C-alpha atoms as a PDB file:
ATOM      1  CA  MET A   1      97.154 112.291 133.465  1.00  0.00           C
ATOM      2  CA  HIS A   2      94.012 112.457 131.389  1.00  0.00           C
ATOM      3  CA  THR A   3      92.118 110.814 128.625  1.00  0.00           C
ATOM      4  CA  ALA A   4      89.822 112.282 125.998  1.00  0.00           C
ATOM      5  CA  LEU A   5      86.171 112.918 125.341  1.00  0.00           C
ATOM      6  CA  VAL A   6      85.080 113.330 121.757  1.00  0.00           C
ATOM      7  CA  THR A   7      82.331 115.087 119.865  1.00  0.00           C
ATOM      8  CA  LEU A   8      80.820 113.226 116.930  1.00  0.00           C
ATOM      9  CA  LEU A   9      80.926 114.871 113.532  1.00  0.00           C
ATOM     10  CA  ALA A  10      78.572 114.520 110.597  1.00  0.00           C
ATOM     11  CA  LEU A  11      79.964 112.860 107.505  1.00  0.00           C
ATOM     12  CA  ALA A  12      82.202 115.054 105.376  1.00  0.00           C
ATOM     13  CA  ALA A  13      80.303 116.752 102.552  1.00  0.00           C
ATOM     14  CA  SER A  14      83.007 116.124  99.980  1.00  0.00           C
ATOM     15  CA  ALA A  15      83.470 112.557  98.763  1.00  0.00           C
ATOM     16  CA  SER A  16      87.197 113.238  98.454  1.00  0.00           C
ATOM     17  CA  ALA A  17      87.578 114.584 101.991  1.00  0.00           C
ATOM     18  CA  GLN A  18      89.224 112.513 104.712  1.00  0.00           C
ATOM     19  CA  LEU A  19      86.373 111.500 106.969  1.00  0.00           C
ATOM     20  CA  ALA A  20      86.655 111.926 110.721  1.00  0.00           C
ATOM     21  CA  GLY A  21      84.384 110.122 113.168  1.00  0.00           C
ATOM     22  CA  VAL A  22      85.416 112.320 116.063  1.00  0.00           C
ATOM     23  CA  ASN A  23      86.443 115.905 116.482  1.00  0.00           C
ATOM     24  CA  GLN A  24      87.319 118.089 119.462  1.00  0.00           C
ATOM     25  CA  VAL A  25      89.356 116.426 122.200  1.00  0.00           C
ATOM     26  CA  SER A  26      89.016 117.592 125.788  1.00  0.00           C
ATOM     27  CA  VAL A  27      90.637 116.172 128.914  1.00  0.00           C
ATOM     28  CA  THR A  28      88.840 114.409 131.767  1.00  0.00           C
ATOM     29  CA  PRO A  29      90.146 112.933 135.037  1.00  0.00           C
ATOM     30  CA  LYS A  30      91.559 109.429 135.202  1.00  0.00           C
ATOM     31  CA  ALA A  31      88.855 106.763 135.464  1.00  0.00           C
ATOM     32  CA  PRO A  32      88.402 104.951 138.809  1.00  0.00           C
ATOM     33  CA  PHE A  33      89.673 101.681 137.359  1.00  0.00           C
ATOM     34  CA  CYS A  34      92.986 103.255 136.322  1.00  0.00           C
ATOM     35  CA  ARG A  35      93.354 104.995 139.683  1.00  0.00           C
ATOM     36  CA  GLN A  36      93.808 101.592 141.287  1.00  0.00           C
ATOM     37  CA  PHE A  37      97.191 101.248 139.625  1.00  0.00           C
ATOM     38  CA  GLY A  38      99.362 104.104 140.836  1.00  0.00           C
ATOM     39  CA  ASN A  39     102.488 102.766 139.148  1.00  0.00           C
ATOM     40  CA  VAL A  40     100.877 102.343 135.705  1.00  0.00           C
ATOM     41  CA  ARG A  41     100.880 105.279 133.310  1.00  0.00           C
ATOM     42  CA  GLU A  42      97.665 106.345 131.639  1.00  0.00           C
ATOM     43  CA  ALA A  43      96.999 106.284 127.927  1.00  0.00           C
ATOM     44  CA  THR A  44      97.326 109.854 126.678  1.00  0.00           C
ATOM     45  CA  GLY A  45      97.332 109.375 122.904  1.00  0.00           C
ATOM     46  CA  SER A  46     100.872 108.130 122.323  1.00  0.00           C
ATOM     47  CA  GLN A  47     101.676 104.545 121.419  1.00  0.00           C
ATOM     48  CA  PHE A  48     103.331 102.423 124.096  1.00  0.00           C
ATOM     49  CA  ASN A  49     106.827 101.196 123.279  1.00  0.00           C
ATOM     50  CA  GLY A  50     107.477  99.720 126.699  1.00  0.00           C
ATOM     51  CA  GLY A  51     105.771  99.151 130.032  1.00  0.00           C
ATOM     52  CA  GLN A  52     102.109  98.875 130.937  1.00  0.00           C
ATOM     53  CA  ALA A  53      99.489 101.579 130.529  1.00  0.00           C
ATOM     54  CA  CYS A  54      95.850 102.040 131.493  1.00  0.00           C
ATOM     55  CA  SER A  55      93.137 103.505 129.282  1.00  0.00           C
ATOM     56  CA  SER A  56      90.248 105.531 130.721  1.00  0.00           C
ATOM     57  CA  ALA A  57      88.537 105.866 127.333  1.00  0.00           C
ATOM     58  CA  THR A  58      84.884 104.860 127.091  1.00  0.00           C
ATOM     59  CA  GLN A  59      84.329 101.814 124.876  1.00  0.00           C
ATOM     60  CA  GLY A  60      81.667 103.707 122.959  1.00  0.00           C
ATOM     61  CA  LEU A  61      78.754 102.807 120.693  1.00  0.00           C
ATOM     62  CA  ILE A  62      78.091  99.135 119.887  1.00  0.00           C
ATOM     63  CA  PRO A  63      76.373  98.201 116.607  1.00  0.00           C
ATOM     64  CA  ASP A  64      73.236  96.123 116.216  1.00  0.00           C
ATOM     65  CA  VAL A  65      73.785  92.372 115.888  1.00  0.00           C
ATOM     66  CA  ASN A  66      72.726  92.612 112.230  1.00  0.00           C
ATOM     67  CA  LYS A  67      75.468  95.154 111.525  1.00  0.00           C
ATOM     68  CA  MET A  68      78.622  93.443 112.736  1.00  0.00           C
ATOM     69  CA  VAL A  69      81.985  93.899 110.988  1.00  0.00           C
ATOM     70  CA  SER A  70      83.466  91.162 108.812  1.00  0.00           C
ATOM     71  CA  THR A  71      86.425  91.025 106.411  1.00  0.00           C
ATOM     72  CA  ILE A  72      87.768  88.486 103.934  1.00  0.00           C
ATOM     73  CA  ILE A  73      90.992  88.410 101.915  1.00  0.00           C
ATOM     74  CA  THR A  74      90.149  87.458  98.323  1.00  0.00           C
ATOM     75  CA  SER A  75      93.707  87.549  96.959  1.00  0.00           C
ATOM     76  CA  PRO A  76      96.278  86.048  97.223  1.00  0.00           C
ATOM     77  CA  ALA A  77      94.712  82.636  97.611  1.00  0.00           C
ATOM     78  CA  GLU A  78      95.491  80.432 100.599  1.00  0.00           C
ATOM     79  CA  GLY A  79      98.677  78.432  99.935  1.00  0.00           C
ATOM     80  CA  SER A  80      99.686  80.361  96.823  1.00  0.00           C
ATOM     81  CA  THR A  81     103.253  81.437  96.058  1.00  0.00           C
ATOM     82  CA  VAL A  82     104.274  85.105  95.916  1.00  0.00           C
ATOM     83  CA  ASP A  83     107.435  86.432  94.269  1.00  0.00           C
ATOM     84  CA  ARG A  84     108.971  88.934  96.685  1.00  0.00           C
ATOM     85  CA  THR A  85     111.145  90.446  93.935  1.00  0.00           C
ATOM     86  CA  ARG A  86     108.059  91.729  92.102  1.00  0.00           C
ATOM     87  CA  ASN A  87     105.128  93.915  93.083  1.00  0.00           C
ATOM     88  CA  ALA A  88     102.282  91.959  94.665  1.00  0.00           C
ATOM     89  CA  GLN A  89      98.731  92.805  95.651  1.00  0.00           C
ATOM     90  CA  VAL A  90      96.403  91.964  98.525  1.00  0.00           C
ATOM     91  CA  SER A  91      92.674  92.373  97.875  1.00  0.00           C
ATOM     92  CA  LEU A  92      89.986  92.246 100.543  1.00  0.00           C
ATOM     93  CA  VAL A  93      86.277  92.827 101.020  1.00  0.00           C
ATOM     94  CA  VAL A  94      84.795  94.613 104.037  1.00  0.00           C
ATOM     95  CA  ARG A  95      81.266  94.158 105.368  1.00  0.00           C
ATOM     96  CA  GLY A  96      79.464  96.145 108.042  1.00  0.00           C
ATOM     97  CA  MET A  97      81.895  99.070 108.398  1.00  0.00           C
ATOM     98  CA  GLU A  98      81.955 102.720 107.373  1.00  0.00           C
ATOM     99  CA  THR A  99      85.612 102.973 106.367  1.00  0.00           C
ATOM    100  CA  GLY A 100      87.727 106.106 106.092  1.00  0.00           C
ATOM    101  CA  PHE A 101      87.551 107.050 109.780  1.00  0.00           C
ATOM    102  CA  ALA A 102      91.082 107.347 111.191  1.00  0.00           C
ATOM    103  CA  LEU A 103      92.476 109.517 113.965  1.00  0.00           C
ATOM    104  CA  ASN A 104      96.139 110.435 114.356  1.00  0.00           C
ATOM    105  CA  SER A 105      97.939 107.361 115.690  1.00  0.00           C
ATOM    106  CA  GLY A 106     100.730 109.535 117.096  1.00  0.00           C
ATOM    107  CA  ASN A 107      98.691 111.589 119.563  1.00  0.00           C
ATOM    108  CA  GLN A 108      95.147 110.125 119.623  1.00  0.00           C
ATOM    109  CA  PHE A 109      95.938 106.416 119.901  1.00  0.00           C
ATOM    110  CA  LEU A 110      93.261 104.520 121.906  1.00  0.00           C
ATOM    111  CA  LEU A 111      91.674 107.752 123.170  1.00  0.00           C
ATOM    112  CA  ALA A 112      88.339 107.946 121.364  1.00  0.00           C
ATOM    113  CA  PRO A 113      85.283 105.716 121.916  1.00  0.00           C
ATOM    114  CA  GLN A 114      83.961 103.544 119.117  1.00  0.00           C
ATOM    115  CA  THR A 115      81.471 105.435 116.950  1.00  0.00           C
ATOM    116  CA  VAL A 116      78.585 104.196 114.801  1.00  0.00           C
ATOM    117  CA  ASP A 117      77.303 105.920 111.697  1.00  0.00           C
ATOM    118  CA  PRO A 118      73.866 107.401 112.478  1.00  0.00           C
ATOM    119  CA  GLY A 119      72.573 106.557 109.013  1.00  0.00           C
ATOM    120  CA  SER A 120      73.863 103.063 108.239  1.00  0.00           C
ATOM    121  CA  GLY A 121      74.368 101.841 111.805  1.00  0.00           C
ATOM    122  CA  PHE A 122      77.830 100.515 110.869  1.00  0.00           C
ATOM    123  CA  VAL A 123      80.960 101.028 112.979  1.00  0.00           C
ATOM    124  CA  GLN A 124      83.068 103.948 111.771  1.00  0.00           C
ATOM    125  CA  GLY A 125      86.641 102.751 111.451  1.00  0.00           C
ATOM    126  CA  MET A 126      89.471 101.479 109.298  1.00  0.00           C
ATOM    127  CA  ILE A 127      91.370  98.362 108.252  1.00  0.00           C
ATOM    128  CA  ASP A 128      95.051  97.474 108.564  1.00  0.00           C
ATOM    129  CA  ILE A 129      96.926  94.847 106.554  1.00  0.00           C
ATOM    130  CA  THR A 130      99.803  93.102 108.309  1.00  0.00           C
ATOM    131  CA  VAL A 131     102.232  90.443 107.020  1.00  0.00           C
ATOM    132  CA  GLN A 132     104.294  88.214 109.333  1.00  0.00           C
ATOM    133  CA  LYS A 133     106.752  85.395 108.756  1.00  0.00           C
ATOM    134  CA  LEU A 134     105.776  82.061 110.328  1.00  0.00           C
ATOM    135  CA  ASN A 135     107.969  79.417 111.934  1.00  0.00           C
ATOM    136  CA  GLY A 136     106.112  76.123 111.852  1.00  0.00           C
ATOM    137  CA  ASN A 137     103.179  76.063 114.261  1.00  0.00           C
ATOM    138  CA  ALA A 138     104.681  78.599 116.659  1.00  0.00           C
ATOM    139  CA  ALA A 139     102.590  81.720 117.211  1.00  0.00           C
ATOM    140  CA  PRO A 140     104.533  84.631 115.685  1.00  0.00           C
ATOM    141  CA  ASP A 141     105.839  87.482 117.808  1.00  0.00           C
ATOM    142  CA  ALA A 142     103.434  90.399 117.273  1.00  0.00           C
ATOM    143  CA  ARG A 143     106.390  92.805 117.311  1.00  0.00           C
ATOM    144  CA  ASN A 144     107.848  91.274 114.155  1.00  0.00           C
ATOM    145  CA  VAL A 145     106.094  92.547 111.028  1.00  0.00           C
ATOM    146  CA  ALA A 146     107.391  92.038 107.493  1.00  0.00           C
ATOM    147  CA  PHE A 147     104.906  94.495 105.945  1.00  0.00           C
ATOM    148  CA  PHE A 148     102.204  96.772 107.343  1.00  0.00           C
ATOM    149  CA  ARG A 149      99.732  99.152 105.743  1.00  0.00           C
ATOM    150  CA  ALA A 150      97.062 101.268 107.438  1.00  0.00           C
ATOM    151  CA  LEU A 151      94.070 101.763 105.132  1.00  0.00           C
ATOM    152  CA  GLU A 152      92.803 105.122 106.305  1.00  0.00           C
ATOM    153  CA  GLN A 153      90.960 105.943 103.090  1.00  0.00           C
ATOM    154  CA  ARG A 154      87.395 105.006 102.211  1.00  0.00           C
ATOM    155  CA  ALA A 155      86.825 101.611 100.642  1.00  0.00           C
ATOM    156  CA  ASN A 156      85.911 101.429  96.973  1.00  0.00           C
ATOM    157  CA  ASN A 157      82.792  99.315  96.302  1.00  0.00           C
ATOM    158  CA  GLY A 158      83.174  97.404  99.562  1.00  0.00           C
ATOM    159  CA  GLY A 159      86.890  96.607  99.578  1.00  0.00           C
ATOM    160  CA  PHE A 160      90.525  97.515  99.143  1.00  0.00           C
ATOM    161  CA  THR A 161      93.511  96.521  97.027  1.00  0.00           C
ATOM    162  CA  VAL A 162      96.889  96.974  98.699  1.00  0.00           C
ATOM    163  CA  ASP A 163     100.200  96.989  96.827  1.00  0.00           C
ATOM    164  CA  ILE A 164     103.193  95.277  98.423  1.00  0.00           C
ATOM    165  CA  PRO A 165     106.231  96.780  96.669  1.00  0.00           C
ATOM    166  CA  ALA A 166     108.933  94.551  95.254  1.00  0.00           C
ATOM    167  CA  GLY A 167     111.591  93.901  97.883  1.00  0.00           C
ATOM    168  CA  ALA A 168     109.413  94.953 100.835  1.00  0.00           C
ATOM    169  CA  ILE A 169     109.507  91.374 102.164  1.00  0.00           C
ATOM    170  CA  LYS A 170     113.152  90.463 102.663  1.00  0.00           C
ATOM    171  CA  GLU A 171     113.211  86.712 103.260  1.00  0.00           C
ATOM    172  CA  ASP A 172     111.792  83.566 101.697  1.00  0.00           C
ATOM    173  CA  GLY A 173     109.426  81.494 103.815  1.00  0.00           C
ATOM    174  CA  LEU A 174     105.853  80.918 104.909  1.00  0.00           C
ATOM    175  CA  TYR A 175     103.962  84.099 105.757  1.00  0.00           C
ATOM    176  CA  ARG A 176     100.494  85.010 106.935  1.00  0.00           C
ATOM    177  CA  ILE A 177      98.640  88.049 105.608  1.00  0.00           C
ATOM    178  CA  CYS A 178      95.929  89.344 107.950  1.00  0.00           C
ATOM    179  CA  THR A 179      93.339  92.088 108.194  1.00  0.00           C
ATOM    180  CA  MET A 180      92.837  94.069 111.412  1.00  0.00           C
ATOM    181  CA  ALA A 181      89.459  95.799 111.697  1.00  0.00           C
ATOM    182  CA  GLN A 182      89.544  98.703 114.129  1.00  0.00           C
ATOM    183  CA  THR A 183      87.877 101.896 115.202  1.00  0.00           C
ATOM    184  CA  ALA A 184      89.064 105.374 114.279  1.00  0.00           C
ATOM    185  CA  SER A 185      91.247 105.457 117.394  1.00  0.00           C
ATOM    186  CA  ARG A 186      92.882 102.118 116.445  1.00  0.00           C
ATOM    187  CA  GLN A 187      91.327  99.794 119.045  1.00  0.00           C
ATOM    188  CA  PRO A 188      89.769  96.500 117.872  1.00  0.00           C
ATOM    189  CA  VAL A 189      86.126  96.894 116.930  1.00  0.00           C
ATOM    190  CA  ILE A 190      83.605  96.107 119.695  1.00  0.00           C
ATOM    191  CA  MET A 191      80.789  93.748 118.724  1.00  0.00           C
ATOM    192  CA  PRO A 192      77.398  93.129 120.423  1.00  0.00           C
ATOM    193  CA  VAL A 193      77.617  89.357 121.021  1.00  0.00           C
ATOM    194  CA  ALA A 194      80.329  86.898 122.045  1.00  0.00           C
ATOM    195  CA  GLN A 195      79.337  84.003 119.775  1.00  0.00           C
ATOM    196  CA  ARG A 196      79.974  85.339 116.301  1.00  0.00           C
ATOM    197  CA  GLY A 197      82.218  85.114 113.261  1.00  0.00           C
ATOM    198  CA  ALA A 198      85.650  86.729 113.349  1.00  0.00           C
ATOM    199  CA  GLN A 199      86.094  90.333 112.282  1.00  0.00           C
ATOM    200  CA  ASN A 200      89.547  89.636 110.830  1.00  0.00           C
ATOM    201  CA  ASP A 201      90.832  87.249 108.175  1.00  0.00           C
ATOM    202  CA  CYS A 202      94.219  85.661 107.418  1.00  0.00           C
ATOM    203  CA  VAL A 203      95.719  83.673 104.546  1.00  0.00           C
ATOM    204  CA  ARG A 204      99.037  81.821 104.476  1.00  0.00           C
ATOM    205  CA  VAL A 205     101.293  82.164 101.436  1.00  0.00           C
ATOM    206  CA  ASN A 206     104.722  80.927 100.385  1.00  0.00           C
ATOM    207  CA  VAL A 207     107.090  83.790  99.611  1.00  0.00           C
ATOM    208  CA  ARG A 208     110.000  83.144  97.261  1.00  0.00           C
ATOM    209  CA  ALA A 209     112.511  85.171  95.274  1.00  0.00           C
ATOM    210  CA  GLY A 210     111.769  84.601  91.598  1.00  0.00           C
ATOM    211  CA  GLY A 211     108.728  82.326  91.851  1.00  0.00           C
ATOM    212  CA  GLY A 212     104.958  82.592  92.132  1.00  0.00           C
ATOM    213  CA  ASN A 213     102.136  84.349  90.351  1.00  0.00           C
ATOM    214  CA  ASN A 214     101.962  87.481  92.502  1.00  0.00           C
ATOM    215  CA  ASN A 215      98.176  87.513  92.103  1.00  0.00           C
ATOM    216  CA  GLY A 216      98.244  88.781  88.558  1.00  0.00           C
ATOM    217  CA  ASN A 217     101.264  91.117  88.792  1.00  0.00           C
ATOM    218  CA  ASN A 218     100.289  94.768  89.090  1.00  0.00           C
ATOM    219  CA  GLY A 219      96.556  94.171  89.080  1.00  0.00           C
ATOM    220  CA  ASN A 220      96.095  91.756  86.175  1.00  0.00           C
ATOM    221  CA  ASN A 221      94.170  89.229  88.223  1.00  0.00           C
ATOM    222  CA  GLY A 222      92.219  87.345  85.590  1.00  0.00           C
ATOM    223  CA  ASN A 223      94.901  85.136  84.057  1.00  0.00           C
ATOM    224  CA  ASN A 224      94.431  81.980  86.125  1.00  0.00           C
ATOM    225  CA  GLY A 225      97.755  82.717  87.802  1.00  0.00           C
ATOM    226  CA  ASN A 226      99.816  82.080  84.650  1.00  0.00           C
ATOM    227  CA  ASN A 227     101.891  85.193  84.085  1.00  0.00           C
ATOM    228  CA  GLY A 228     104.764  83.794  82.037  1.00  0.00           C
ATOM    229  CA  ASN A 229     107.192  83.963  84.927  1.00  0.00           C
ATOM    230  CA  ASN A 230     107.162  80.409  86.287  1.00  0.00           C
ATOM    231  CA  GLY A 231     103.924  81.414  87.927  1.00  0.00           C
ATOM    232  CA  ASN A 232     101.567  78.814  86.468  1.00  0.00           C
ATOM    233  CA  ASN A 233      99.999  77.536  89.659  1.00  0.00           C
ATOM    234  CA  GLY A 234      97.761  74.875  88.220  1.00  0.00           C
ATOM    235  CA  GLY A 235      94.906  77.130  87.235  1.00  0.00           C
ATOM    236  CA  ASN A 236      94.533  78.949  90.538  1.00  0.00           C
ATOM    237  CA  ARG A 237      92.352  81.740  89.280  1.00  0.00           C
ATOM    238  CA  GLY A 238      93.483  85.173  90.503  1.00  0.00           C
ATOM    239  CA  ARG A 239      90.692  86.617  92.617  1.00  0.00           C
ATOM    240  CA  GLY A 240      92.204  89.976  93.420  1.00  0.00           C
ATOM    241  CA  GLY A 241      91.934  93.400  91.882  1.00  0.00           C
ATOM    242  CA  ARG A 242      88.451  93.928  93.297  1.00  0.00           C
ATOM    243  CA  ARG A 243      87.935  97.316  94.765  1.00  0.00           C
ATOM    244  CA  GLY A 244      85.179  98.105  97.158  1.00  0.00           C
ATOM    245  CA  GLY A 245      82.888 100.903  98.497  1.00  0.00           C
ATOM    246  CA  ARG A 246      82.605 102.971 101.514  1.00  0.00           C
ATOM    247  CA  ARG A 247      79.884 100.887 103.087  1.00  0.00           C
ATOM    248  CA  GLY A 248      80.752  97.214 103.359  1.00  0.00           C
ATOM    249  CA  GLY A 249      77.882  94.806 102.960  1.00  0.00           C
ATOM    250  CA  LYS A 250      75.785  97.186 100.911  1.00  0.00           C
END
């Protein structure tokens, strides 16, 4: 079994091109740490649907302490109500990351080291949005996801807006919406110090059928949450609809 080495690529010349932080994959022998566990399979690019695995991939480049990754969800607001029978939006801002770097999650999962842009010094990676139903104060099962979206494209002016289609969330209840900042090969971003702010953000929202402001319904986020559909939430100003740029924090 083998893992991968990667060769860094320069940024794509075309602004519309899908950027790739790594290129050319070649095999190398299993790392000494993984050799200790003869009964554990090695990570070879596929996702793991059962059983343990061991990764021999190098962790990679670590950014300067002044260039750490941070994300924040700007919409929907914490504690707001979302109508699951209508389209909804999640808006977020990214700082300290060169977005648009995403390898194939089917055959290059957890294989490539973390890379850092030689110009900006920011981690090259991507953001996921994940939505889970909550049950009181119990930690949710990570296998249970109500909605998931991988944001493999470049950010627009420092952020993203994600559409959650009507009906995608099936049940009423309390949900959390979270960001997951990761490298091109889908591992969590590696930061230079232990004592720091979180790279990910979450908000909790109430999901109902037929109620809520849905953050401005289809991108109209400047109406104080009053959209004429029982969605007047006491003047909770919609903060979404902001799109961001390739380099967060610029």
